[in-house]
């Protein structure tokens, strides 16, 4: 494998890094534990594993992609905490899992789909927070929040 070919294989990594950083910046901006480093590394790592899985000497790329899903599931489970009758970290875990899928899509060279999916993630994270949807649902259902 020549040097230029290896450089071309790195293009998806740069794209995945940028997409992961965009979501990570949003998460850090609102004070979440998983931020720019976590999201960029997960997205880029998923892209790297996917790019490597398409090596002609590797017979089954789907196996690598399946292991990405499982591995990120374990990381996500570690982010979810049940404390004082509340669940914390579920959105962060879901966003991280989704961004690993974006990384896989980038690794498969589905660039437009990856960019659109990242915008959808940012839309959900930003708009739902701005509209305070969860608080409105709880108020409608009569669930009272503990004072902080």
C-alpha atoms as a PDB file:
ATOM      1  CA  UNK A   1       0.000   0.000   0.000  1.00  0.00           C
ATOM      2  CA  UNK A   2       1.603   3.254  -1.093  1.00  0.00           C
ATOM      3  CA  UNK A   3       1.832   6.433   0.949  1.00  0.00           C
ATOM      4  CA  UNK A   4      -0.739   8.423  -1.081  1.00  0.00           C
ATOM      5  CA  UNK A   5      -3.296   5.658  -0.701  1.00  0.00           C
ATOM      6  CA  UNK A   6      -2.786   5.660   3.059  1.00  0.00           C
ATOM      7  CA  UNK A   7      -3.208   9.441   3.129  1.00  0.00           C
ATOM      8  CA  UNK A   8      -6.485   9.091   1.209  1.00  0.00           C
ATOM      9  CA  UNK A   9      -7.658   6.623   3.850  1.00  0.00           C
ATOM     10  CA  UNK A  10      -7.147   9.336   6.480  1.00  0.00           C
ATOM     11  CA  UNK A  11      -9.675  11.712   4.866  1.00  0.00           C
ATOM     12  CA  UNK A  12     -12.639  10.042   6.610  1.00  0.00           C
ATOM     13  CA  UNK A  13     -10.825  10.394   9.923  1.00  0.00           C
ATOM     14  CA  UNK A  14     -10.604  14.177   9.526  1.00  0.00           C
ATOM     15  CA  UNK A  15     -14.290  14.373   8.620  1.00  0.00           C
ATOM     16  CA  UNK A  16     -15.273  12.161  11.566  1.00  0.00           C
ATOM     17  CA  UNK A  17     -13.109  14.244  13.879  1.00  0.00           C
ATOM     18  CA  UNK A  18     -14.831  17.458  12.758  1.00  0.00           C
ATOM     19  CA  UNK A  19     -18.316  15.995  13.156  1.00  0.00           C
ATOM     20  CA  UNK A  20     -17.517  14.569  16.585  1.00  0.00           C
ATOM     21  CA  UNK A  21     -16.020  17.881  17.679  1.00  0.00           C
ATOM     22  CA  UNK A  22     -19.170  19.746  16.658  1.00  0.00           C
ATOM     23  CA  UNK A  23     -21.364  17.639  18.935  1.00  0.00           C
ATOM     24  CA  UNK A  24     -18.720  17.568  21.663  1.00  0.00           C
ATOM     25  CA  UNK A  25     -18.563  21.358  21.715  1.00  0.00           C
ATOM     26  CA  UNK A  26     -22.335  21.521  22.178  1.00  0.00           C
ATOM     27  CA  UNK A  27     -22.190  19.014  25.058  1.00  0.00           C
ATOM     28  CA  UNK A  28     -19.326  20.859  26.762  1.00  0.00           C
ATOM     29  CA  UNK A  29     -21.137  24.162  26.306  1.00  0.00           C
ATOM     30  CA  UNK A  30     -24.023  22.859  28.448  1.00  0.00           C
ATOM     31  CA  UNK A  31     -21.662  21.367  31.028  1.00  0.00           C
ATOM     32  CA  UNK A  32     -21.901  17.650  30.283  1.00  0.00           C
ATOM     33  CA  UNK A  33     -19.114  15.268  31.285  1.00  0.00           C
ATOM     34  CA  UNK A  34     -18.606  13.798  27.816  1.00  0.00           C
ATOM     35  CA  UNK A  35     -17.426  16.628  25.587  1.00  0.00           C
ATOM     36  CA  UNK A  36     -15.096  17.446  22.738  1.00  0.00           C
ATOM     37  CA  UNK A  37     -12.473  14.805  23.475  1.00  0.00           C
ATOM     38  CA  UNK A  38     -14.962  12.000  24.037  1.00  0.00           C
ATOM     39  CA  UNK A  39     -17.173  12.701  21.030  1.00  0.00           C
ATOM     40  CA  UNK A  40     -14.320  13.353  18.623  1.00  0.00           C
ATOM     41  CA  UNK A  41     -12.441  10.207  19.689  1.00  0.00           C
ATOM     42  CA  UNK A  42     -15.520   7.972  19.536  1.00  0.00           C
ATOM     43  CA  UNK A  43     -16.576   9.282  16.125  1.00  0.00           C
ATOM     44  CA  UNK A  44     -13.062   9.115  14.700  1.00  0.00           C
ATOM     45  CA  UNK A  45     -12.400   5.694  16.261  1.00  0.00           C
ATOM     46  CA  UNK A  46     -15.567   4.262  14.724  1.00  0.00           C
ATOM     47  CA  UNK A  47     -14.526   5.680  11.347  1.00  0.00           C
ATOM     48  CA  UNK A  48     -11.023   4.216  11.693  1.00  0.00           C
ATOM     49  CA  UNK A  49     -12.295   0.742  12.560  1.00  0.00           C
ATOM     50  CA  UNK A  50     -14.712   0.928   9.627  1.00  0.00           C
ATOM     51  CA  UNK A  51     -12.018   2.036   7.163  1.00  0.00           C
ATOM     52  CA  UNK A  52      -9.737  -0.764   8.364  1.00  0.00           C
ATOM     53  CA  UNK A  53     -12.528  -3.335   8.115  1.00  0.00           C
ATOM     54  CA  UNK A  54     -12.736  -2.788   4.357  1.00  0.00           C
ATOM     55  CA  UNK A  55      -9.170  -3.981   3.839  1.00  0.00           C
ATOM     56  CA  UNK A  56      -9.202  -6.640   1.089  1.00  0.00           C
ATOM     57  CA  UNK A  57      -7.552  -9.109   3.468  1.00  0.00           C
ATOM     58  CA  UNK A  58     -10.420  -8.850   5.959  1.00  0.00           C
ATOM     59  CA  UNK A  59     -13.319 -11.039   4.831  1.00  0.00           C
ATOM     60  CA  UNK A  60     -16.236  -9.603   6.839  1.00  0.00           C
ATOM     61  CA  UNK A  61     -16.490  -5.852   7.600  1.00  0.00           C
ATOM     62  CA  UNK A  62     -19.890  -6.316   9.252  1.00  0.00           C
ATOM     63  CA  UNK A  63     -18.253  -8.094  12.178  1.00  0.00           C
ATOM     64  CA  UNK A  64     -16.110  -5.056  12.990  1.00  0.00           C
ATOM     65  CA  UNK A  65     -19.075  -2.703  12.717  1.00  0.00           C
ATOM     66  CA  UNK A  66     -21.121  -4.946  15.026  1.00  0.00           C
ATOM     67  CA  UNK A  67     -18.343  -4.821  17.600  1.00  0.00           C
ATOM     68  CA  UNK A  68     -18.328  -1.010  17.433  1.00  0.00           C
ATOM     69  CA  UNK A  69     -22.018  -0.995  18.335  1.00  0.00           C
ATOM     70  CA  UNK A  70     -21.434  -3.372  21.256  1.00  0.00           C
ATOM     71  CA  UNK A  71     -18.381  -1.491  22.525  1.00  0.00           C
ATOM     72  CA  UNK A  72     -20.117   1.873  22.486  1.00  0.00           C
ATOM     73  CA  UNK A  73     -23.070   0.255  24.242  1.00  0.00           C
ATOM     74  CA  UNK A  74     -20.791  -0.625  27.141  1.00  0.00           C
ATOM     75  CA  UNK A  75     -19.373   2.899  27.246  1.00  0.00           C
ATOM     76  CA  UNK A  76     -22.894   4.317  27.151  1.00  0.00           C
ATOM     77  CA  UNK A  77     -23.991   2.061  30.000  1.00  0.00           C
ATOM     78  CA  UNK A  78     -21.155   3.473  32.072  1.00  0.00           C
ATOM     79  CA  UNK A  79     -22.412   6.997  31.436  1.00  0.00           C
ATOM     80  CA  UNK A  80     -25.926   6.309  32.733  1.00  0.00           C
ATOM     81  CA  UNK A  81     -26.357   6.904  36.462  1.00  0.00           C
ATOM     82  CA  UNK A  82     -29.429   6.411  38.656  1.00  0.00           C
ATOM     83  CA  UNK A  83     -29.260   8.853  41.557  1.00  0.00           C
ATOM     84  CA  UNK A  84     -32.001  10.097  43.885  1.00  0.00           C
ATOM     85  CA  UNK A  85     -34.788   8.530  41.797  1.00  0.00           C
ATOM     86  CA  UNK A  86     -33.539  10.223  38.632  1.00  0.00           C
ATOM     87  CA  UNK A  87     -31.695   8.908  35.619  1.00  0.00           C
ATOM     88  CA  UNK A  88     -28.703  10.972  34.510  1.00  0.00           C
ATOM     89  CA  UNK A  89     -26.597  10.590  31.375  1.00  0.00           C
ATOM     90  CA  UNK A  90     -29.155   8.893  29.153  1.00  0.00           C
ATOM     91  CA  UNK A  91     -29.084  11.636  26.520  1.00  0.00           C
ATOM     92  CA  UNK A  92     -25.289  11.725  26.578  1.00  0.00           C
ATOM     93  CA  UNK A  93     -25.136   7.950  26.112  1.00  0.00           C
ATOM     94  CA  UNK A  94     -27.656   8.071  23.254  1.00  0.00           C
ATOM     95  CA  UNK A  95     -25.819  10.925  21.534  1.00  0.00           C
ATOM     96  CA  UNK A  96     -22.491   9.112  21.888  1.00  0.00           C
ATOM     97  CA  UNK A  97     -24.020   5.927  20.453  1.00  0.00           C
ATOM     98  CA  UNK A  98     -25.501   7.895  17.547  1.00  0.00           C
ATOM     99  CA  UNK A  99     -22.188   9.622  16.855  1.00  0.00           C
ATOM    100  CA  UNK A 100     -20.467   6.239  16.705  1.00  0.00           C
ATOM    101  CA  UNK A 101     -22.954   5.374  13.951  1.00  0.00           C
ATOM    102  CA  UNK A 102     -21.994   8.640  12.242  1.00  0.00           C
ATOM    103  CA  UNK A 103     -18.359   7.542  12.482  1.00  0.00           C
ATOM    104  CA  UNK A 104     -19.219   4.230  10.829  1.00  0.00           C
ATOM    105  CA  UNK A 105     -21.064   6.086   8.061  1.00  0.00           C
ATOM    106  CA  UNK A 106     -18.050   8.350   7.516  1.00  0.00           C
ATOM    107  CA  UNK A 107     -15.781   5.299   7.395  1.00  0.00           C
ATOM    108  CA  UNK A 108     -18.043   3.842   4.706  1.00  0.00           C
ATOM    109  CA  UNK A 109     -17.715   7.155   2.789  1.00  0.00           C
ATOM    110  CA  UNK A 110     -21.362   8.193   3.288  1.00  0.00           C
ATOM    111  CA  UNK A 111     -20.303  11.786   3.854  1.00  0.00           C
ATOM    112  CA  UNK A 112     -23.610  13.554   3.122  1.00  0.00           C
ATOM    113  CA  UNK A 113     -25.538  11.138   5.338  1.00  0.00           C
ATOM    114  CA  UNK A 114     -22.983  11.650   8.109  1.00  0.00           C
ATOM    115  CA  UNK A 115     -23.203  15.434   7.961  1.00  0.00           C
ATOM    116  CA  UNK A 116     -27.014  15.408   7.858  1.00  0.00           C
ATOM    117  CA  UNK A 117     -27.140  12.959  10.776  1.00  0.00           C
ATOM    118  CA  UNK A 118     -24.831  15.188  12.809  1.00  0.00           C
ATOM    119  CA  UNK A 119     -27.096  18.166  12.142  1.00  0.00           C
ATOM    120  CA  UNK A 120     -30.050  16.057  13.327  1.00  0.00           C
ATOM    121  CA  UNK A 121     -28.185  15.200  16.539  1.00  0.00           C
ATOM    122  CA  UNK A 122     -27.360  18.864  17.135  1.00  0.00           C
ATOM    123  CA  UNK A 123     -30.949  19.832  16.343  1.00  0.00           C
ATOM    124  CA  UNK A 124     -32.361  17.385  18.884  1.00  0.00           C
ATOM    125  CA  UNK A 125     -29.852  18.331  21.581  1.00  0.00           C
ATOM    126  CA  UNK A 126     -30.318  22.071  21.092  1.00  0.00           C
ATOM    127  CA  UNK A 127     -34.029  22.406  20.280  1.00  0.00           C
ATOM    128  CA  UNK A 128     -35.271  20.012  22.941  1.00  0.00           C
ATOM    129  CA  UNK A 129     -33.224  21.868  25.548  1.00  0.00           C
ATOM    130  CA  UNK A 130     -34.438  25.272  24.344  1.00  0.00           C
ATOM    131  CA  UNK A 131     -38.089  24.237  24.250  1.00  0.00           C
ATOM    132  CA  UNK A 132     -37.727  22.546  27.653  1.00  0.00           C
ATOM    133  CA  UNK A 133     -39.891  19.720  26.338  1.00  0.00           C
ATOM    134  CA  UNK A 134     -39.199  17.341  29.226  1.00  0.00           C
ATOM    135  CA  UNK A 135     -40.203  19.932  31.824  1.00  0.00           C
ATOM    136  CA  UNK A 136     -43.428  20.657  29.953  1.00  0.00           C
ATOM    137  CA  UNK A 137     -44.280  16.943  29.746  1.00  0.00           C
ATOM    138  CA  UNK A 138     -43.662  16.530  33.477  1.00  0.00           C
ATOM    139  CA  UNK A 139     -45.778  19.608  34.243  1.00  0.00           C
ATOM    140  CA  UNK A 140     -48.594  18.287  32.050  1.00  0.00           C
ATOM    141  CA  UNK A 141     -48.432  14.891  33.774  1.00  0.00           C
ATOM    142  CA  UNK A 142     -48.382  16.502  37.218  1.00  0.00           C
ATOM    143  CA  UNK A 143     -44.882  15.301  38.107  1.00  0.00           C
ATOM    144  CA  UNK A 144     -43.209  17.696  40.509  1.00  0.00           C
ATOM    145  CA  UNK A 145     -39.475  18.262  40.272  1.00  0.00           C
ATOM    146  CA  UNK A 146     -37.374  18.341  43.431  1.00  0.00           C
ATOM    147  CA  UNK A 147     -36.123  21.860  44.181  1.00  0.00           C
ATOM    148  CA  UNK A 148     -32.419  22.254  43.590  1.00  0.00           C
END
